[in-house]
Amino acid sequence: MATPDFVLALREKIGHAPLWLSGVTAVVVRSRHSCLEVQLVRRADTGAWTPVTGIIDPGEEPAVAAEREVLEEADIVSRVDVLAWVKVLPPIRYPNGDESEYLDLVFRCGYISGEPHPADGENTAAAWFSLDALPEMSAEMVDRIRVAVEADGSTRFER
């Protein structure tokens, strides 16, 4: 994942110290031939299939960040339909020693237009998958997809 300039500037000041960041997971869904599909990307850094994820820029509205990330990473135009889940992710230590923790906002997004492809170099593939034929992925990502798809207009909060 490309590191935003504002994070690089912070890292110049704080080194590898833990950094609290806000992120989005955009679960883009569409109905096709009576089947619900989800748009996924294959990350270049780990090879894992995931929904589009990204860091919210300073001052950026979270829903706008979700739509922006989908467009940047998969060349898909989408719209946020619902904030499905607000969750603090476990601390992460990156290979370079940087430490971060994320407040993740999981959005269910509706498909508007575009054909998925790895648009910005952060991913090696982008494609639609039916919910009953998802590629192998982490349980955490499957949970994000499930919560987003099942969202009824209310938001799930961890306690």
C-alpha atoms as a PDB file:
ATOM      1  CA  MET A   1       0.000   0.000   0.000  1.00  0.00           C
ATOM      2  CA  ALA A   2       1.380   3.433  -0.882  1.00  0.00           C
ATOM      3  CA  THR A   3       2.068   5.537   2.183  1.00  0.00           C
ATOM      4  CA  PRO A   4       0.331   8.950   2.106  1.00  0.00           C
ATOM      5  CA  ASP A   5       2.592  12.001   2.176  1.00  0.00           C
ATOM      6  CA  PHE A   6       1.168  13.188   5.516  1.00  0.00           C
ATOM      7  CA  VAL A   7       2.163   9.864   7.133  1.00  0.00           C
ATOM      8  CA  LEU A   8       5.679  10.128   5.682  1.00  0.00           C
ATOM      9  CA  ALA A   9       5.968  13.658   7.134  1.00  0.00           C
ATOM     10  CA  LEU A  10       4.831  12.405  10.548  1.00  0.00           C
ATOM     11  CA  ARG A  11       7.291   9.507  10.396  1.00  0.00           C
ATOM     12  CA  GLU A  12      10.135  12.007   9.842  1.00  0.00           C
ATOM     13  CA  LYS A  13       9.257  13.476  13.248  1.00  0.00           C
ATOM     14  CA  ILE A  14       8.289  10.387  15.273  1.00  0.00           C
ATOM     15  CA  GLY A  15      10.308   7.611  13.655  1.00  0.00           C
ATOM     16  CA  HIS A  16       8.819   4.138  14.144  1.00  0.00           C
ATOM     17  CA  ALA A  17       6.690   5.110  17.192  1.00  0.00           C
ATOM     18  CA  PRO A  18       3.048   3.964  17.188  1.00  0.00           C
ATOM     19  CA  LEU A  19       0.811   6.094  14.996  1.00  0.00           C
ATOM     20  CA  TRP A  20      -2.998   6.216  15.296  1.00  0.00           C
ATOM     21  CA  LEU A  21      -4.655   6.440  11.872  1.00  0.00           C
ATOM     22  CA  SER A  22      -8.175   6.364  10.475  1.00  0.00           C
ATOM     23  CA  GLY A  23      -8.852   4.035   7.583  1.00  0.00           C
ATOM     24  CA  VAL A  24     -11.670   2.809   5.393  1.00  0.00           C
ATOM     25  CA  THR A  25     -12.682  -0.542   3.979  1.00  0.00           C
ATOM     26  CA  ALA A  26     -14.931  -0.185   0.933  1.00  0.00           C
ATOM     27  CA  VAL A  27     -17.019  -3.282   0.239  1.00  0.00           C
ATOM     28  CA  VAL A  28     -18.405  -2.587  -3.235  1.00  0.00           C
ATOM     29  CA  VAL A  29     -21.344  -4.805  -4.192  1.00  0.00           C
ATOM     30  CA  ARG A  30     -23.454  -5.261  -7.288  1.00  0.00           C
ATOM     31  CA  SER A  31     -26.247  -7.574  -8.321  1.00  0.00           C
ATOM     32  CA  ARG A  32     -25.579  -9.512 -11.511  1.00  0.00           C
ATOM     33  CA  HIS A  33     -27.711 -12.332 -12.913  1.00  0.00           C
ATOM     34  CA  SER A  34     -29.591 -12.641  -9.600  1.00  0.00           C
ATOM     35  CA  CYS A  35     -26.287 -13.029  -7.766  1.00  0.00           C
ATOM     36  CA  LEU A  36     -24.651 -10.577  -5.380  1.00  0.00           C
ATOM     37  CA  GLU A  37     -21.007  -9.902  -6.254  1.00  0.00           C
ATOM     38  CA  VAL A  38     -18.275  -8.100  -4.346  1.00  0.00           C
ATOM     39  CA  GLN A  39     -15.340  -6.263  -5.916  1.00  0.00           C
ATOM     40  CA  LEU A  40     -11.931  -7.314  -4.545  1.00  0.00           C
ATOM     41  CA  VAL A  41      -8.295  -6.428  -5.177  1.00  0.00           C
ATOM     42  CA  ARG A  42      -5.173  -8.553  -4.819  1.00  0.00           C
ATOM     43  CA  ARG A  43      -2.609  -6.602  -2.816  1.00  0.00           C
ATOM     44  CA  ALA A  44       0.839  -6.203  -4.375  1.00  0.00           C
ATOM     45  CA  ASP A  45       2.606  -6.266  -0.994  1.00  0.00           C
ATOM     46  CA  THR A  46       1.096  -9.484   0.434  1.00  0.00           C
ATOM     47  CA  GLY A  47      -0.739 -11.163  -2.441  1.00  0.00           C
ATOM     48  CA  ALA A  48      -3.905 -11.241  -0.308  1.00  0.00           C
ATOM     49  CA  TRP A  49      -7.366 -10.674  -1.777  1.00  0.00           C
ATOM     50  CA  THR A  50      -9.255  -7.937   0.095  1.00  0.00           C
ATOM     51  CA  PRO A  51     -11.893  -5.283  -0.397  1.00  0.00           C
ATOM     52  CA  VAL A  52     -10.340  -1.898  -1.165  1.00  0.00           C
ATOM     53  CA  THR A  53      -8.791  -0.353   1.944  1.00  0.00           C
ATOM     54  CA  GLY A  54      -7.034   2.932   2.538  1.00  0.00           C
ATOM     55  CA  ILE A  55      -6.100   5.754   4.869  1.00  0.00           C
ATOM     56  CA  ILE A  56      -8.324   8.804   5.263  1.00  0.00           C
ATOM     57  CA  ASP A  57      -6.473  12.001   4.354  1.00  0.00           C
ATOM     58  CA  PRO A  58      -6.446  14.854   6.894  1.00  0.00           C
ATOM     59  CA  GLY A  59      -9.739  16.757   6.697  1.00  0.00           C
ATOM     60  CA  GLU A  60     -11.278  14.252   4.275  1.00  0.00           C
ATOM     61  CA  GLU A  61     -14.783  12.973   4.880  1.00  0.00           C
ATOM     62  CA  PRO A  62     -14.643   9.202   5.475  1.00  0.00           C
ATOM     63  CA  ALA A  63     -17.309   8.353   2.865  1.00  0.00           C
ATOM     64  CA  VAL A  64     -15.452  10.457   0.298  1.00  0.00           C
ATOM     65  CA  ALA A  65     -12.243   8.587   1.202  1.00  0.00           C
ATOM     66  CA  ALA A  66     -13.945   5.223   0.582  1.00  0.00           C
ATOM     67  CA  GLU A  67     -15.197   6.301  -2.844  1.00  0.00           C
ATOM     68  CA  ARG A  68     -11.810   7.856  -3.708  1.00  0.00           C
ATOM     69  CA  GLU A  69      -9.890   4.726  -2.728  1.00  0.00           C
ATOM     70  CA  VAL A  70     -12.135   2.496  -4.865  1.00  0.00           C
ATOM     71  CA  LEU A  71     -11.627   4.774  -7.862  1.00  0.00           C
ATOM     72  CA  GLU A  72      -7.857   5.060  -7.318  1.00  0.00           C
ATOM     73  CA  GLU A  73      -7.212   1.375  -6.676  1.00  0.00           C
ATOM     74  CA  ALA A  74      -9.742  -0.401  -8.911  1.00  0.00           C
ATOM     75  CA  ASP A  75     -10.990   2.266 -11.361  1.00  0.00           C
ATOM     76  CA  ILE A  76     -14.558   1.671 -10.167  1.00  0.00           C
ATOM     77  CA  VAL A  77     -17.014   4.497  -9.551  1.00  0.00           C
ATOM     78  CA  SER A  78     -19.037   3.698  -6.446  1.00  0.00           C
ATOM     79  CA  ARG A  79     -21.224   5.403  -3.887  1.00  0.00           C
ATOM     80  CA  VAL A  80     -21.292   4.814  -0.162  1.00  0.00           C
ATOM     81  CA  ASP A  81     -24.624   3.337   0.911  1.00  0.00           C
ATOM     82  CA  VAL A  82     -24.081   2.658   4.606  1.00  0.00           C
ATOM     83  CA  LEU A  83     -21.460   2.778   7.346  1.00  0.00           C
ATOM     84  CA  ALA A  84     -21.606  -0.877   8.389  1.00  0.00           C
ATOM     85  CA  TRP A  85     -18.920  -1.298  11.053  1.00  0.00           C
ATOM     86  CA  VAL A  86     -16.638   0.826  13.227  1.00  0.00           C
ATOM     87  CA  LYS A  87     -13.744  -1.185  14.604  1.00  0.00           C
ATOM     88  CA  VAL A  88     -10.267  -0.709  16.059  1.00  0.00           C
ATOM     89  CA  LEU A  89      -7.827  -3.057  14.338  1.00  0.00           C
ATOM     90  CA  PRO A  90      -4.996  -4.758  16.226  1.00  0.00           C
ATOM     91  CA  PRO A  91      -1.657  -2.930  16.254  1.00  0.00           C
ATOM     92  CA  ILE A  92       0.498  -3.542  13.174  1.00  0.00           C
ATOM     93  CA  ARG A  93       4.279  -3.604  12.977  1.00  0.00           C
ATOM     94  CA  TYR A  94       5.501  -3.198   9.408  1.00  0.00           C
ATOM     95  CA  PRO A  95       8.727  -4.825   8.108  1.00  0.00           C
ATOM     96  CA  ASN A  96      10.533  -1.457   8.291  1.00  0.00           C
ATOM     97  CA  GLY A  97       9.714  -1.175  12.029  1.00  0.00           C
ATOM     98  CA  ASP A  98       6.888   1.371  11.747  1.00  0.00           C
ATOM     99  CA  GLU A  99       4.009   0.747  14.143  1.00  0.00           C
ATOM    100  CA  SER A 100       0.408   1.778  13.498  1.00  0.00           C
ATOM    101  CA  GLU A 101      -3.068   1.176  14.809  1.00  0.00           C
ATOM    102  CA  TYR A 102      -6.186   1.893  12.791  1.00  0.00           C
ATOM    103  CA  LEU A 103      -9.743   2.943  13.429  1.00  0.00           C
ATOM    104  CA  ASP A 104     -11.376   1.154  10.484  1.00  0.00           C
ATOM    105  CA  LEU A 105     -14.680   2.332   9.038  1.00  0.00           C
ATOM    106  CA  VAL A 106     -16.265  -0.396   6.921  1.00  0.00           C
ATOM    107  CA  PHE A 107     -18.621   0.941   4.258  1.00  0.00           C
ATOM    108  CA  ARG A 108     -20.974  -0.939   1.964  1.00  0.00           C
ATOM    109  CA  CYS A 109     -20.766   0.780  -1.403  1.00  0.00           C
ATOM    110  CA  GLY A 110     -22.949   0.420  -4.457  1.00  0.00           C
ATOM    111  CA  TYR A 111     -21.442  -0.064  -7.895  1.00  0.00           C
ATOM    112  CA  ILE A 112     -22.006   2.735 -10.426  1.00  0.00           C
ATOM    113  CA  SER A 113     -19.622   2.087 -13.328  1.00  0.00           C
ATOM    114  CA  GLY A 114     -16.250   0.846 -14.506  1.00  0.00           C
ATOM    115  CA  GLU A 115     -14.433  -2.422 -15.048  1.00  0.00           C
ATOM    116  CA  PRO A 116     -12.131  -3.379 -12.195  1.00  0.00           C
ATOM    117  CA  HIS A 117      -8.394  -3.435 -12.805  1.00  0.00           C
ATOM    118  CA  PRO A 118      -5.342  -2.627 -10.670  1.00  0.00           C
ATOM    119  CA  ALA A 119      -5.286   1.099 -11.375  1.00  0.00           C
ATOM    120  CA  ASP A 120      -2.547   2.526  -9.147  1.00  0.00           C
ATOM    121  CA  GLY A 121       0.135  -0.120  -8.640  1.00  0.00           C
ATOM    122  CA  GLU A 122      -0.958  -1.026  -5.105  1.00  0.00           C
ATOM    123  CA  ASN A 123      -2.626  -4.183  -6.418  1.00  0.00           C
ATOM    124  CA  THR A 124      -1.839  -6.861  -8.980  1.00  0.00           C
ATOM    125  CA  ALA A 125      -5.458  -7.753  -9.805  1.00  0.00           C
ATOM    126  CA  ALA A 126      -9.016  -6.506  -9.344  1.00  0.00           C
ATOM    127  CA  ALA A 127     -12.157  -8.511 -10.026  1.00  0.00           C
ATOM    128  CA  TRP A 128     -15.751  -9.282  -9.114  1.00  0.00           C
ATOM    129  CA  PHE A 129     -16.529 -12.408  -7.060  1.00  0.00           C
ATOM    130  CA  SER A 130     -19.862 -13.906  -6.137  1.00  0.00           C
ATOM    131  CA  LEU A 131     -20.365 -14.147  -2.386  1.00  0.00           C
ATOM    132  CA  ASP A 132     -20.477 -17.935  -2.583  1.00  0.00           C
ATOM    133  CA  ALA A 133     -17.184 -18.144  -4.510  1.00  0.00           C
ATOM    134  CA  LEU A 134     -14.805 -15.766  -2.738  1.00  0.00           C
ATOM    135  CA  PRO A 135     -11.072 -16.383  -3.146  1.00  0.00           C
ATOM    136  CA  GLU A 136      -9.096 -17.493  -0.120  1.00  0.00           C
ATOM    137  CA  MET A 137      -8.729 -14.568   2.272  1.00  0.00           C
ATOM    138  CA  SER A 138      -8.255 -13.822   5.949  1.00  0.00           C
ATOM    139  CA  ALA A 139     -11.123 -14.337   8.368  1.00  0.00           C
ATOM    140  CA  GLU A 140     -10.928 -10.622   9.207  1.00  0.00           C
ATOM    141  CA  MET A 141     -11.605  -9.645   5.589  1.00  0.00           C
ATOM    142  CA  VAL A 142     -14.422 -12.186   5.273  1.00  0.00           C
ATOM    143  CA  ASP A 143     -15.960 -10.645   8.423  1.00  0.00           C
ATOM    144  CA  ARG A 144     -15.746  -7.139   6.929  1.00  0.00           C
ATOM    145  CA  ILE A 145     -17.500  -8.327   3.783  1.00  0.00           C
ATOM    146  CA  ARG A 146     -20.168 -10.206   5.750  1.00  0.00           C
ATOM    147  CA  VAL A 147     -20.951  -7.266   8.039  1.00  0.00           C
ATOM    148  CA  ALA A 148     -21.119  -4.852   5.091  1.00  0.00           C
ATOM    149  CA  VAL A 149     -23.371  -7.102   3.008  1.00  0.00           C
ATOM    150  CA  GLU A 150     -25.705  -7.812   5.944  1.00  0.00           C
ATOM    151  CA  ALA A 151     -25.877  -4.165   7.096  1.00  0.00           C
ATOM    152  CA  ASP A 152     -29.485  -3.073   7.500  1.00  0.00           C
ATOM    153  CA  GLY A 153     -28.821   0.648   7.809  1.00  0.00           C
ATOM    154  CA  SER A 154     -27.513   0.520  11.351  1.00  0.00           C
ATOM    155  CA  THR A 155     -23.827   0.555  12.225  1.00  0.00           C
ATOM    156  CA  ARG A 156     -22.089  -2.195  14.196  1.00  0.00           C
ATOM    157  CA  PHE A 157     -19.799  -0.994  16.984  1.00  0.00           C
ATOM    158  CA  GLU A 158     -17.346  -3.203  18.872  1.00  0.00           C
ATOM    159  CA  ARG A 159     -17.632  -3.164  22.646  1.00  0.00           C
END
